[in-house]
Amino acid sequence: MAQPAGSTATLVLLDSAAAPQQEWQLNAEATYTIGREKGNDILLPFSWVSRKHAMIQVEMNGRHNLIDLGSANGTMINGRRVLTPTHLHPDDRITIGKTALLFRQVGEEKSASATVYGAPEDRTVAFVEQETVTILICDIHDYTTLSERLGDHKVSALLQSWTAGVSQIVTRHEGMVDKFIGDAVMALWAGAGGPTHAIHQALRTALAIAAFTYGLKKNVPELPWPLRIGAALNTGKAMLGNIGVNGKRDFTVVGDVVNVAFRLEAQTSAQEGLDLIMGEEAAAHLTDLPPYFTPYRFTVKGKSEPVPSYGCSFKNLGAYLQHLSAGPG
């Protein structure tokens, strides 16, 4: 996206003494993502920064808006938390945890009226709605060891087969693959059917992906062992919408519900027989959890209090879904 003539904008990373450390130009694209995960336009690899923490959207007139992407720790402008898409002014100071950034702009087109932070006129269409979603994360266990045993070429072919099969399973159960991250998939359910139906479908998807992954050993004899996955399911509010970059539209879902799902999934590799973990809000939509599910409280990064959850083996999950088979959803 071209800027108006004479307009240039940059974002500057400051150290503890407010001295410049790094600078990013904000003049070529329609959006710039900020986060600690590789692939963000502005990479801040710090524990207090979420994977996708915030976004700067650039309007045709050179105006820049800062949007918090449902981050766990929040985003501040000049000491005030960003709750809605907020217009950035020259020399605004953005704070994310211990990280300070300075927004600089020369030649900004002035608005006819003063801008009030958080006012309705500051809203953009970068995200179209906030909605209750169900997130499912599935991850292949012992993937690093597997890669060392098989080598890059065979692992790449294996992942292609796995991602193709997983995509079909998610679609068959009315879900949508948001993204694959190496040996993990993030799928989501939102909208029609309501949260209970979405959670049932996500549970069925997890069980189907587990069976499909385990069965790959039959078709790939060079696998040193049958593959297993860990899974986590979480339900809650998230921001959904389409970001336009260079004429393309990329669907995105962000929020704390996503972050917690990833962190819960990491717990499945720490305990034998714990294959799936479900967040408390998802569990609240279900009935007859005992004796199939066991309550847990997990300490996860970014949360000051343990996260109430329910976990089970895939064997117990299968029994639970059979128990529900005669009911709705």
C-alpha atoms as a PDB file:
ATOM      1  CA  MET A   1       0.000   0.000   0.000  1.00  0.00           C
ATOM      2  CA  ALA A   2       1.538   3.316  -1.013  1.00  0.00           C
ATOM      3  CA  GLN A   3       1.607   6.122   1.515  1.00  0.00           C
ATOM      4  CA  PRO A   4       0.492   9.668   0.717  1.00  0.00           C
ATOM      5  CA  ALA A   5       3.298  11.791  -0.705  1.00  0.00           C
ATOM      6  CA  GLY A   6       5.695  12.895   2.007  1.00  0.00           C
ATOM      7  CA  SER A   7       4.295  10.512   4.612  1.00  0.00           C
ATOM      8  CA  THR A   8       6.659   8.072   6.302  1.00  0.00           C
ATOM      9  CA  ALA A   9       6.019   6.009   9.419  1.00  0.00           C
ATOM     10  CA  THR A  10       8.269   3.837  11.566  1.00  0.00           C
ATOM     11  CA  LEU A  11       8.026   1.817  14.750  1.00  0.00           C
ATOM     12  CA  VAL A  12      11.070   1.987  17.005  1.00  0.00           C
ATOM     13  CA  LEU A  13      12.015  -0.523  19.706  1.00  0.00           C
ATOM     14  CA  LEU A  14      13.353   1.261  22.802  1.00  0.00           C
ATOM     15  CA  ASP A  15      15.648  -0.075  25.500  1.00  0.00           C
ATOM     16  CA  SER A  16      15.246   0.556  29.237  1.00  0.00           C
ATOM     17  CA  ALA A  17      16.900   3.963  28.818  1.00  0.00           C
ATOM     18  CA  ALA A  18      14.505   4.874  25.952  1.00  0.00           C
ATOM     19  CA  ALA A  19      17.312   4.616  23.399  1.00  0.00           C
ATOM     20  CA  PRO A  20      16.441   3.237  19.917  1.00  0.00           C
ATOM     21  CA  GLN A  21      17.371  -0.427  19.419  1.00  0.00           C
ATOM     22  CA  GLN A  22      15.585  -1.472  16.233  1.00  0.00           C
ATOM     23  CA  GLU A  23      13.342   0.170  13.653  1.00  0.00           C
ATOM     24  CA  TRP A  24      10.632  -1.097  11.305  1.00  0.00           C
ATOM     25  CA  GLN A  25       9.250   0.823   8.326  1.00  0.00           C
ATOM     26  CA  LEU A  26       5.421   0.919   8.149  1.00  0.00           C
ATOM     27  CA  ASN A  27       4.968   2.212   4.616  1.00  0.00           C
ATOM     28  CA  ALA A  28       4.573  -0.705   2.201  1.00  0.00           C
ATOM     29  CA  GLU A  29       1.810  -3.009   3.482  1.00  0.00           C
ATOM     30  CA  ALA A  30      -1.797  -2.714   4.589  1.00  0.00           C
ATOM     31  CA  THR A  31      -1.222  -4.496   7.900  1.00  0.00           C
ATOM     32  CA  TYR A  32       1.690  -5.304  10.181  1.00  0.00           C
ATOM     33  CA  THR A  33       1.417  -8.001  12.844  1.00  0.00           C
ATOM     34  CA  ILE A  34       3.288  -7.779  16.148  1.00  0.00           C
ATOM     35  CA  GLY A  35       4.114 -10.914  18.146  1.00  0.00           C
ATOM     36  CA  ARG A  36       6.745 -13.331  19.395  1.00  0.00           C
ATOM     37  CA  GLU A  37       6.074 -16.054  16.783  1.00  0.00           C
ATOM     38  CA  LYS A  38       8.160 -16.205  13.625  1.00  0.00           C
ATOM     39  CA  GLY A  39       6.189 -14.913  10.685  1.00  0.00           C
ATOM     40  CA  ASN A  40       5.106 -11.705  12.398  1.00  0.00           C
ATOM     41  CA  ASP A  41       6.154  -8.512  10.635  1.00  0.00           C
ATOM     42  CA  ILE A  42       7.415  -7.062  13.919  1.00  0.00           C
ATOM     43  CA  LEU A  43       9.022  -9.887  15.881  1.00  0.00           C
ATOM     44  CA  LEU A  44       9.290  -9.376  19.652  1.00  0.00           C
ATOM     45  CA  PRO A  45      10.642 -12.690  21.019  1.00  0.00           C
ATOM     46  CA  PHE A  46       9.752 -12.100  24.670  1.00  0.00           C
ATOM     47  CA  SER A  47       7.710 -14.273  27.021  1.00  0.00           C
ATOM     48  CA  TRP A  48       5.294 -11.435  27.857  1.00  0.00           C
ATOM     49  CA  VAL A  49       4.386 -11.001  24.175  1.00  0.00           C
ATOM     50  CA  SER A  50       1.681 -13.294  22.746  1.00  0.00           C
ATOM     51  CA  ARG A  51       2.257 -15.323  19.582  1.00  0.00           C
ATOM     52  CA  LYS A  52       0.108 -12.823  17.673  1.00  0.00           C
ATOM     53  CA  HIS A  53      -0.184  -9.914  20.073  1.00  0.00           C
ATOM     54  CA  ALA A  54      -1.285  -6.856  18.114  1.00  0.00           C
ATOM     55  CA  MET A  55      -1.616  -5.422  14.629  1.00  0.00           C
ATOM     56  CA  ILE A  56      -1.103  -2.066  12.965  1.00  0.00           C
ATOM     57  CA  GLN A  57      -3.488  -1.355  10.097  1.00  0.00           C
ATOM     58  CA  VAL A  58      -2.578   1.318   7.535  1.00  0.00           C
ATOM     59  CA  GLU A  59      -5.391   3.278   5.871  1.00  0.00           C
ATOM     60  CA  MET A  60      -5.194   4.793   2.405  1.00  0.00           C
ATOM     61  CA  ASN A  61      -4.756   8.283   3.835  1.00  0.00           C
ATOM     62  CA  GLY A  62      -1.692   7.228   5.823  1.00  0.00           C
ATOM     63  CA  ARG A  63      -3.507   6.898   9.143  1.00  0.00           C
ATOM     64  CA  HIS A  64      -2.270   4.010  11.330  1.00  0.00           C
ATOM     65  CA  ASN A  65      -4.514   2.123  13.750  1.00  0.00           C
ATOM     66  CA  LEU A  66      -3.319  -0.188  16.530  1.00  0.00           C
ATOM     67  CA  ILE A  67      -5.441  -3.280  17.269  1.00  0.00           C
ATOM     68  CA  ASP A  68      -4.872  -5.627  20.203  1.00  0.00           C
ATOM     69  CA  LEU A  69      -5.451  -9.199  19.002  1.00  0.00           C
ATOM     70  CA  GLY A  70      -6.948 -10.519  22.243  1.00  0.00           C
ATOM     71  CA  SER A  71      -3.510 -10.833  23.856  1.00  0.00           C
ATOM     72  CA  ALA A  72      -3.071 -12.246  27.355  1.00  0.00           C
ATOM     73  CA  ASN A  73      -1.121  -9.254  28.717  1.00  0.00           C
ATOM     74  CA  GLY A  74      -2.730  -6.429  26.758  1.00  0.00           C
ATOM     75  CA  THR A  75      -1.358  -3.509  24.757  1.00  0.00           C
ATOM     76  CA  MET A  76      -0.981   0.067  26.022  1.00  0.00           C
ATOM     77  CA  ILE A  77      -0.743   3.433  24.257  1.00  0.00           C
ATOM     78  CA  ASN A  78       0.694   6.181  26.476  1.00  0.00           C
ATOM     79  CA  GLY A  79      -0.304   4.197  29.574  1.00  0.00           C
ATOM     80  CA  ARG A  80      -3.879   3.475  28.420  1.00  0.00           C
ATOM     81  CA  ARG A  81      -4.953  -0.034  27.483  1.00  0.00           C
ATOM     82  CA  VAL A  82      -6.123  -0.559  23.895  1.00  0.00           C
ATOM     83  CA  LEU A  83      -9.677  -1.931  23.961  1.00  0.00           C
ATOM     84  CA  THR A  84     -10.786  -0.970  20.444  1.00  0.00           C
ATOM     85  CA  PRO A  85      -8.828  -0.201  17.248  1.00  0.00           C
ATOM     86  CA  THR A  86      -7.048   3.046  18.149  1.00  0.00           C
ATOM     87  CA  HIS A  87      -5.498   5.720  15.954  1.00  0.00           C
ATOM     88  CA  LEU A  88      -1.748   6.190  16.438  1.00  0.00           C
ATOM     89  CA  HIS A  89      -0.369   9.719  16.653  1.00  0.00           C
ATOM     90  CA  PRO A  90       3.269  10.755  16.113  1.00  0.00           C
ATOM     91  CA  ASP A  91       5.429  10.034  19.197  1.00  0.00           C
ATOM     92  CA  ASP A  92       2.839   7.721  20.764  1.00  0.00           C
ATOM     93  CA  ARG A  93       4.498   5.194  23.072  1.00  0.00           C
ATOM     94  CA  ILE A  94       3.251   1.600  22.779  1.00  0.00           C
ATOM     95  CA  THR A  95       3.911  -0.709  25.722  1.00  0.00           C
ATOM     96  CA  ILE A  96       3.655  -4.511  25.708  1.00  0.00           C
ATOM     97  CA  GLY A  97       4.729  -5.863  29.069  1.00  0.00           C
ATOM     98  CA  LYS A  98       8.346  -4.765  29.540  1.00  0.00           C
ATOM     99  CA  THR A  99       8.718  -3.766  25.889  1.00  0.00           C
ATOM    100  CA  ALA A 100       8.381  -0.137  24.755  1.00  0.00           C
ATOM    101  CA  LEU A 101       7.885   0.959  21.151  1.00  0.00           C
ATOM    102  CA  LEU A 102       7.747   4.482  19.737  1.00  0.00           C
ATOM    103  CA  PHE A 103       5.522   5.349  16.783  1.00  0.00           C
ATOM    104  CA  ARG A 104       6.992   7.999  14.507  1.00  0.00           C
ATOM    105  CA  GLN A 105       5.324   9.594  11.501  1.00  0.00           C
ATOM    106  CA  VAL A 106       6.153  12.521   9.248  1.00  0.00           C
ATOM    107  CA  GLY A 107       3.598  14.063   6.891  1.00  0.00           C
ATOM    108  CA  GLU A 108       0.488  12.456   8.409  1.00  0.00           C
ATOM    109  CA  GLU A 109      -2.763  13.609   6.833  1.00  0.00           C
ATOM    110  CA  LYS A 110      -4.654  15.548   9.480  1.00  0.00           C
ATOM    111  CA  SER A 111      -8.257  14.800  10.289  1.00  0.00           C
ATOM    112  CA  ALA A 112     -10.807  17.611  10.306  1.00  0.00           C
ATOM    113  CA  SER A 113     -11.732  16.725  13.871  1.00  0.00           C
ATOM    114  CA  ALA A 114      -9.764  15.660  16.873  1.00  0.00           C
ATOM    115  CA  THR A 115      -9.397  11.926  17.483  1.00  0.00           C
ATOM    116  CA  VAL A 116     -10.553  10.474  20.794  1.00  0.00           C
ATOM    117  CA  TYR A 117      -8.948   7.147  21.759  1.00  0.00           C
ATOM    118  CA  GLY A 118     -11.423   4.310  21.623  1.00  0.00           C
ATOM    119  CA  ALA A 119     -14.203   6.353  20.043  1.00  0.00           C
ATOM    120  CA  PRO A 120     -16.502   4.646  17.494  1.00  0.00           C
ATOM    121  CA  GLU A 121     -14.913   6.540  14.596  1.00  0.00           C
ATOM    122  CA  ASP A 122     -11.636   4.772  15.399  1.00  0.00           C
ATOM    123  CA  ARG A 123     -13.133   1.375  14.577  1.00  0.00           C
ATOM    124  CA  THR A 124     -11.885  -0.410  11.465  1.00  0.00           C
ATOM    125  CA  VAL A 125     -13.065  -3.442   9.557  1.00  0.00           C
ATOM    126  CA  ALA A 126      -9.858  -5.429  10.132  1.00  0.00           C
ATOM    127  CA  PHE A 127     -11.855  -7.799  12.339  1.00  0.00           C
ATOM    128  CA  VAL A 128     -15.533  -8.167  11.637  1.00  0.00           C
ATOM    129  CA  GLU A 129     -16.762  -9.680  14.872  1.00  0.00           C
ATOM    130  CA  GLN A 130     -16.133 -11.190  18.265  1.00  0.00           C
ATOM    131  CA  GLU A 131     -17.641 -14.634  18.617  1.00  0.00           C
ATOM    132  CA  THR A 132     -17.610 -17.712  20.817  1.00  0.00           C
ATOM    133  CA  VAL A 133     -15.375 -20.288  19.165  1.00  0.00           C
ATOM    134  CA  THR A 134     -14.114 -23.771  19.936  1.00  0.00           C
ATOM    135  CA  ILE A 135     -10.421 -24.335  19.246  1.00  0.00           C
ATOM    136  CA  LEU A 136      -8.806 -27.755  18.782  1.00  0.00           C
ATOM    137  CA  ILE A 137      -5.035 -28.264  18.816  1.00  0.00           C
ATOM    138  CA  CYS A 138      -3.551 -31.641  17.831  1.00  0.00           C
ATOM    139  CA  ASP A 139       0.187 -32.261  17.927  1.00  0.00           C
ATOM    140  CA  ILE A 140       2.287 -35.315  16.974  1.00  0.00           C
ATOM    141  CA  HIS A 141       4.242 -36.547  19.997  1.00  0.00           C
ATOM    142  CA  ASP A 142       8.003 -37.279  19.830  1.00  0.00           C
ATOM    143  CA  TYR A 143       8.260 -35.468  16.520  1.00  0.00           C
ATOM    144  CA  THR A 144      11.849 -34.303  17.052  1.00  0.00           C
ATOM    145  CA  THR A 145      13.067 -37.856  17.677  1.00  0.00           C
ATOM    146  CA  LEU A 146      11.040 -39.056  14.696  1.00  0.00           C
ATOM    147  CA  SER A 147      12.663 -36.442  12.456  1.00  0.00           C
ATOM    148  CA  GLU A 148      16.135 -37.550  13.522  1.00  0.00           C
ATOM    149  CA  ARG A 149      15.306 -41.185  12.737  1.00  0.00           C
ATOM    150  CA  LEU A 150      13.641 -40.629   9.358  1.00  0.00           C
ATOM    151  CA  GLY A 151      15.509 -37.662   7.913  1.00  0.00           C
ATOM    152  CA  ASP A 152      14.160 -34.502   6.280  1.00  0.00           C
ATOM    153  CA  HIS A 153      12.889 -36.009   3.031  1.00  0.00           C
ATOM    154  CA  LYS A 154      10.806 -38.792   4.611  1.00  0.00           C
ATOM    155  CA  VAL A 155       9.482 -36.520   7.346  1.00  0.00           C
ATOM    156  CA  SER A 156       8.399 -33.965   4.762  1.00  0.00           C
ATOM    157  CA  ALA A 157       6.494 -36.636   2.818  1.00  0.00           C
ATOM    158  CA  LEU A 158       4.942 -37.914   6.045  1.00  0.00           C
ATOM    159  CA  LEU A 159       3.741 -34.437   7.015  1.00  0.00           C
ATOM    160  CA  GLN A 160       2.189 -33.927   3.595  1.00  0.00           C
ATOM    161  CA  SER A 161       0.163 -37.128   4.048  1.00  0.00           C
ATOM    162  CA  TRP A 162      -0.755 -36.187   7.605  1.00  0.00           C
ATOM    163  CA  THR A 163      -1.883 -32.642   6.819  1.00  0.00           C
ATOM    164  CA  ALA A 164      -3.974 -33.818   3.856  1.00  0.00           C
ATOM    165  CA  GLY A 165      -5.716 -36.462   5.969  1.00  0.00           C
ATOM    166  CA  VAL A 166      -6.242 -34.137   8.926  1.00  0.00           C
ATOM    167  CA  SER A 167      -7.740 -31.444   6.678  1.00  0.00           C
ATOM    168  CA  GLN A 168     -10.300 -33.931   5.386  1.00  0.00           C
ATOM    169  CA  ILE A 169     -11.197 -35.049   8.916  1.00  0.00           C
ATOM    170  CA  VAL A 170     -11.703 -31.478  10.146  1.00  0.00           C
ATOM    171  CA  THR A 171     -13.858 -30.590   7.144  1.00  0.00           C
ATOM    172  CA  ARG A 172     -15.924 -33.761   7.542  1.00  0.00           C
ATOM    173  CA  HIS A 173     -16.733 -32.695  11.099  1.00  0.00           C
ATOM    174  CA  GLU A 174     -17.847 -29.182  10.068  1.00  0.00           C
ATOM    175  CA  GLY A 175     -14.678 -27.478  11.254  1.00  0.00           C
ATOM    176  CA  MET A 176     -12.075 -25.304   9.555  1.00  0.00           C
ATOM    177  CA  VAL A 177      -8.308 -25.663   9.612  1.00  0.00           C
ATOM    178  CA  ASP A 178      -6.908 -22.314  10.708  1.00  0.00           C
ATOM    179  CA  LYS A 179      -3.286 -23.349  10.205  1.00  0.00           C
ATOM    180  CA  PHE A 180      -0.688 -26.093  10.404  1.00  0.00           C
ATOM    181  CA  ILE A 181       2.402 -25.362  12.489  1.00  0.00           C
ATOM    182  CA  GLY A 182       4.939 -28.059  11.676  1.00  0.00           C
ATOM    183  CA  ASP A 183       3.599 -31.216  13.324  1.00  0.00           C
ATOM    184  CA  ALA A 184       0.529 -29.512  14.827  1.00  0.00           C
ATOM    185  CA  VAL A 185      -2.860 -28.413  13.540  1.00  0.00           C
ATOM    186  CA  MET A 186      -5.180 -25.700  14.841  1.00  0.00           C
ATOM    187  CA  ALA A 187      -8.833 -26.143  13.875  1.00  0.00           C
ATOM    188  CA  LEU A 188     -11.869 -24.128  14.891  1.00  0.00           C
ATOM    189  CA  TRP A 189     -15.648 -24.223  15.032  1.00  0.00           C
ATOM    190  CA  ALA A 190     -17.828 -21.119  15.199  1.00  0.00           C
ATOM    191  CA  GLY A 191     -21.311 -19.976  14.276  1.00  0.00           C
ATOM    192  CA  ALA A 192     -24.068 -22.385  13.298  1.00  0.00           C
ATOM    193  CA  GLY A 193     -25.062 -25.118  15.715  1.00  0.00           C
ATOM    194  CA  GLY A 194     -23.988 -23.413  18.932  1.00  0.00           C
ATOM    195  CA  PRO A 195     -21.089 -24.194  21.276  1.00  0.00           C
ATOM    196  CA  THR A 196     -22.325 -27.597  22.474  1.00  0.00           C
ATOM    197  CA  HIS A 197     -22.566 -28.929  18.922  1.00  0.00           C
ATOM    198  CA  ALA A 198     -19.155 -27.404  18.112  1.00  0.00           C
ATOM    199  CA  ILE A 199     -17.546 -29.058  21.148  1.00  0.00           C
ATOM    200  CA  HIS A 200     -19.040 -32.444  20.256  1.00  0.00           C
ATOM    201  CA  GLN A 201     -17.699 -32.103  16.714  1.00  0.00           C
ATOM    202  CA  ALA A 202     -14.263 -31.046  17.974  1.00  0.00           C
ATOM    203  CA  LEU A 203     -14.130 -34.081  20.293  1.00  0.00           C
ATOM    204  CA  ARG A 204     -15.081 -36.388  17.422  1.00  0.00           C
ATOM    205  CA  THR A 205     -12.418 -34.730  15.286  1.00  0.00           C
ATOM    206  CA  ALA A 206      -9.721 -35.259  17.921  1.00  0.00           C
ATOM    207  CA  LEU A 207     -10.567 -38.952  18.182  1.00  0.00           C
ATOM    208  CA  ALA A 208     -10.598 -39.351  14.389  1.00  0.00           C
ATOM    209  CA  ILE A 209      -7.237 -37.570  14.014  1.00  0.00           C
ATOM    210  CA  ALA A 210      -5.759 -39.789  16.745  1.00  0.00           C
ATOM    211  CA  ALA A 211      -6.927 -42.947  14.940  1.00  0.00           C
ATOM    212  CA  PHE A 212      -5.773 -41.670  11.537  1.00  0.00           C
ATOM    213  CA  THR A 213      -2.329 -40.722  12.902  1.00  0.00           C
ATOM    214  CA  TYR A 214      -1.875 -44.054  14.672  1.00  0.00           C
ATOM    215  CA  GLY A 215      -2.877 -45.905  11.485  1.00  0.00           C
ATOM    216  CA  LEU A 216      -0.196 -44.241   9.354  1.00  0.00           C
ATOM    217  CA  LYS A 217       2.227 -46.976  10.428  1.00  0.00           C
ATOM    218  CA  LYS A 218       0.360 -49.447   8.180  1.00  0.00           C
ATOM    219  CA  ASN A 219       0.945 -47.319   5.072  1.00  0.00           C
ATOM    220  CA  VAL A 220       4.397 -46.029   6.016  1.00  0.00           C
ATOM    221  CA  PRO A 221       6.341 -49.137   7.120  1.00  0.00           C
ATOM    222  CA  GLU A 222       9.551 -47.183   7.686  1.00  0.00           C
ATOM    223  CA  LEU A 223       7.942 -45.451  10.655  1.00  0.00           C
ATOM    224  CA  PRO A 224       9.849 -46.678  13.742  1.00  0.00           C
ATOM    225  CA  TRP A 225       6.666 -46.737  15.865  1.00  0.00           C
ATOM    226  CA  PRO A 226       2.939 -45.956  15.565  1.00  0.00           C
ATOM    227  CA  LEU A 227       2.438 -42.216  15.878  1.00  0.00           C
ATOM    228  CA  ARG A 228       0.426 -40.695  18.700  1.00  0.00           C
ATOM    229  CA  ILE A 229      -0.965 -37.227  19.203  1.00  0.00           C
ATOM    230  CA  GLY A 230      -1.893 -35.007  22.112  1.00  0.00           C
ATOM    231  CA  ALA A 231      -4.960 -32.794  21.832  1.00  0.00           C
ATOM    232  CA  ALA A 232      -6.460 -29.807  23.611  1.00  0.00           C
ATOM    233  CA  LEU A 233      -9.852 -28.205  23.233  1.00  0.00           C
ATOM    234  CA  ASN A 234     -10.869 -24.786  24.487  1.00  0.00           C
ATOM    235  CA  THR A 235     -13.973 -22.645  24.094  1.00  0.00           C
ATOM    236  CA  GLY A 236     -14.325 -18.892  24.574  1.00  0.00           C
ATOM    237  CA  LYS A 237     -14.551 -15.463  22.968  1.00  0.00           C
ATOM    238  CA  ALA A 238     -12.171 -14.687  20.116  1.00  0.00           C
ATOM    239  CA  MET A 239     -11.830 -12.070  17.400  1.00  0.00           C
ATOM    240  CA  LEU A 240     -12.529 -13.361  13.902  1.00  0.00           C
ATOM    241  CA  GLY A 241     -12.188 -11.595  10.601  1.00  0.00           C
ATOM    242  CA  ASN A 242     -10.298 -10.985   7.389  1.00  0.00           C
ATOM    243  CA  ILE A 243      -7.119  -8.973   7.114  1.00  0.00           C
ATOM    244  CA  GLY A 244      -6.413  -7.510   3.676  1.00  0.00           C
ATOM    245  CA  VAL A 245      -2.739  -7.569   2.614  1.00  0.00           C
ATOM    246  CA  ASN A 246      -1.752  -6.657  -0.959  1.00  0.00           C
ATOM    247  CA  GLY A 247      -5.217  -7.468  -2.258  1.00  0.00           C
ATOM    248  CA  LYS A 248      -5.437 -10.806  -0.413  1.00  0.00           C
ATOM    249  CA  ARG A 249      -7.807 -11.654   2.436  1.00  0.00           C
ATOM    250  CA  ASP A 250      -6.529 -13.907   5.191  1.00  0.00           C
ATOM    251  CA  PHE A 251      -8.968 -15.272   7.789  1.00  0.00           C
ATOM    252  CA  THR A 252      -7.633 -14.986  11.318  1.00  0.00           C
ATOM    253  CA  VAL A 253      -8.810 -15.974  14.785  1.00  0.00           C
ATOM    254  CA  VAL A 254      -6.973 -14.580  17.797  1.00  0.00           C
ATOM    255  CA  GLY A 255      -7.543 -14.332  21.520  1.00  0.00           C
ATOM    256  CA  ASP A 256      -6.658 -15.798  24.895  1.00  0.00           C
ATOM    257  CA  VAL A 257      -8.805 -18.861  24.113  1.00  0.00           C
ATOM    258  CA  VAL A 258      -6.239 -19.781  21.434  1.00  0.00           C
ATOM    259  CA  ASN A 259      -3.211 -19.201  23.668  1.00  0.00           C
ATOM    260  CA  VAL A 260      -4.653 -21.354  26.462  1.00  0.00           C
ATOM    261  CA  ALA A 261      -5.483 -24.168  24.027  1.00  0.00           C
ATOM    262  CA  PHE A 262      -1.853 -24.351  22.885  1.00  0.00           C
ATOM    263  CA  ARG A 263      -0.585 -24.339  26.463  1.00  0.00           C
ATOM    264  CA  LEU A 264      -3.013 -27.029  27.580  1.00  0.00           C
ATOM    265  CA  GLU A 265      -1.979 -29.282  24.697  1.00  0.00           C
ATOM    266  CA  ALA A 266       1.628 -29.085  25.869  1.00  0.00           C
ATOM    267  CA  GLN A 267       0.529 -30.771  29.121  1.00  0.00           C
ATOM    268  CA  THR A 268      -0.531 -33.967  27.329  1.00  0.00           C
ATOM    269  CA  SER A 269       3.059 -35.117  26.852  1.00  0.00           C
ATOM    270  CA  ALA A 270       3.800 -34.853  30.579  1.00  0.00           C
ATOM    271  CA  GLN A 271       1.421 -37.521  31.882  1.00  0.00           C
ATOM    272  CA  GLU A 272       0.851 -41.099  30.709  1.00  0.00           C
ATOM    273  CA  GLY A 273      -2.685 -41.781  29.535  1.00  0.00           C
ATOM    274  CA  LEU A 274      -3.631 -38.108  29.313  1.00  0.00           C
ATOM    275  CA  ASP A 275      -4.374 -37.707  25.607  1.00  0.00           C
ATOM    276  CA  LEU A 276      -6.890 -34.861  25.535  1.00  0.00           C
ATOM    277  CA  ILE A 277      -7.405 -31.822  27.774  1.00  0.00           C
ATOM    278  CA  MET A 278     -10.521 -29.680  27.657  1.00  0.00           C
ATOM    279  CA  GLY A 279     -10.848 -26.193  29.135  1.00  0.00           C
ATOM    280  CA  GLU A 280     -13.414 -25.446  31.823  1.00  0.00           C
ATOM    281  CA  GLU A 281     -15.703 -23.349  29.609  1.00  0.00           C
ATOM    282  CA  ALA A 282     -15.969 -26.137  27.045  1.00  0.00           C
ATOM    283  CA  ALA A 283     -16.672 -28.659  29.788  1.00  0.00           C
ATOM    284  CA  ALA A 284     -19.486 -26.461  31.127  1.00  0.00           C
ATOM    285  CA  HIS A 285     -21.466 -27.138  27.927  1.00  0.00           C
ATOM    286  CA  LEU A 286     -21.289 -30.924  28.365  1.00  0.00           C
ATOM    287  CA  THR A 287     -23.029 -33.459  30.600  1.00  0.00           C
ATOM    288  CA  ASP A 288     -22.032 -36.759  32.207  1.00  0.00           C
ATOM    289  CA  LEU A 289     -18.293 -36.025  32.229  1.00  0.00           C
ATOM    290  CA  PRO A 290     -17.397 -38.440  35.068  1.00  0.00           C
ATOM    291  CA  PRO A 291     -16.310 -41.199  34.869  1.00  0.00           C
ATOM    292  CA  TYR A 292     -14.938 -40.482  31.383  1.00  0.00           C
ATOM    293  CA  PHE A 293     -13.128 -37.230  32.207  1.00  0.00           C
ATOM    294  CA  THR A 294     -10.979 -36.359  35.223  1.00  0.00           C
ATOM    295  CA  PRO A 295     -10.737 -32.790  36.602  1.00  0.00           C
ATOM    296  CA  TYR A 296      -7.292 -31.139  36.593  1.00  0.00           C
ATOM    297  CA  ARG A 297      -5.754 -27.754  37.346  1.00  0.00           C
ATOM    298  CA  PHE A 298      -2.755 -26.903  35.163  1.00  0.00           C
ATOM    299  CA  THR A 299      -0.252 -24.127  35.717  1.00  0.00           C
ATOM    300  CA  VAL A 300       0.457 -22.570  32.322  1.00  0.00           C
ATOM    301  CA  LYS A 301       2.581 -19.677  31.141  1.00  0.00           C
ATOM    302  CA  GLY A 302       0.766 -16.352  31.111  1.00  0.00           C
ATOM    303  CA  LYS A 303      -1.767 -17.293  33.807  1.00  0.00           C
ATOM    304  CA  SER A 304      -1.309 -16.319  37.458  1.00  0.00           C
ATOM    305  CA  GLU A 305      -3.776 -19.003  38.609  1.00  0.00           C
ATOM    306  CA  PRO A 306      -3.981 -22.677  37.583  1.00  0.00           C
ATOM    307  CA  VAL A 307      -6.357 -23.314  34.676  1.00  0.00           C
ATOM    308  CA  PRO A 308      -9.277 -25.657  35.577  1.00  0.00           C
ATOM    309  CA  SER A 309      -9.532 -28.391  32.968  1.00  0.00           C
ATOM    310  CA  TYR A 310     -10.787 -31.888  32.262  1.00  0.00           C
ATOM    311  CA  GLY A 311      -8.666 -34.635  30.731  1.00  0.00           C
ATOM    312  CA  CYS A 312      -9.022 -38.175  29.453  1.00  0.00           C
ATOM    313  CA  SER A 313      -7.430 -40.892  27.345  1.00  0.00           C
ATOM    314  CA  PHE A 314      -8.603 -41.414  23.783  1.00  0.00           C
ATOM    315  CA  LYS A 315     -10.080 -44.725  24.932  1.00  0.00           C
ATOM    316  CA  ASN A 316     -12.273 -42.904  27.454  1.00  0.00           C
ATOM    317  CA  LEU A 317     -13.087 -40.236  24.871  1.00  0.00           C
ATOM    318  CA  GLY A 318     -14.372 -42.927  22.531  1.00  0.00           C
ATOM    319  CA  ALA A 319     -16.531 -44.365  25.306  1.00  0.00           C
ATOM    320  CA  TYR A 320     -17.891 -40.902  26.112  1.00  0.00           C
ATOM    321  CA  LEU A 321     -18.824 -40.211  22.489  1.00  0.00           C
ATOM    322  CA  GLN A 322     -20.581 -43.579  22.294  1.00  0.00           C
ATOM    323  CA  HIS A 323     -22.474 -42.597  25.434  1.00  0.00           C
ATOM    324  CA  LEU A 324     -23.600 -39.396  23.663  1.00  0.00           C
ATOM    325  CA  SER A 325     -24.384 -41.036  20.332  1.00  0.00           C
ATOM    326  CA  ALA A 326     -28.104 -41.365  21.048  1.00  0.00           C
ATOM    327  CA  GLY A 327     -28.413 -37.723  22.121  1.00  0.00           C
ATOM    328  CA  PRO A 328     -28.380 -34.376  20.247  1.00  0.00           C
ATOM    329  CA  GLY A 329     -25.263 -32.723  18.790  1.00  0.00           C
END
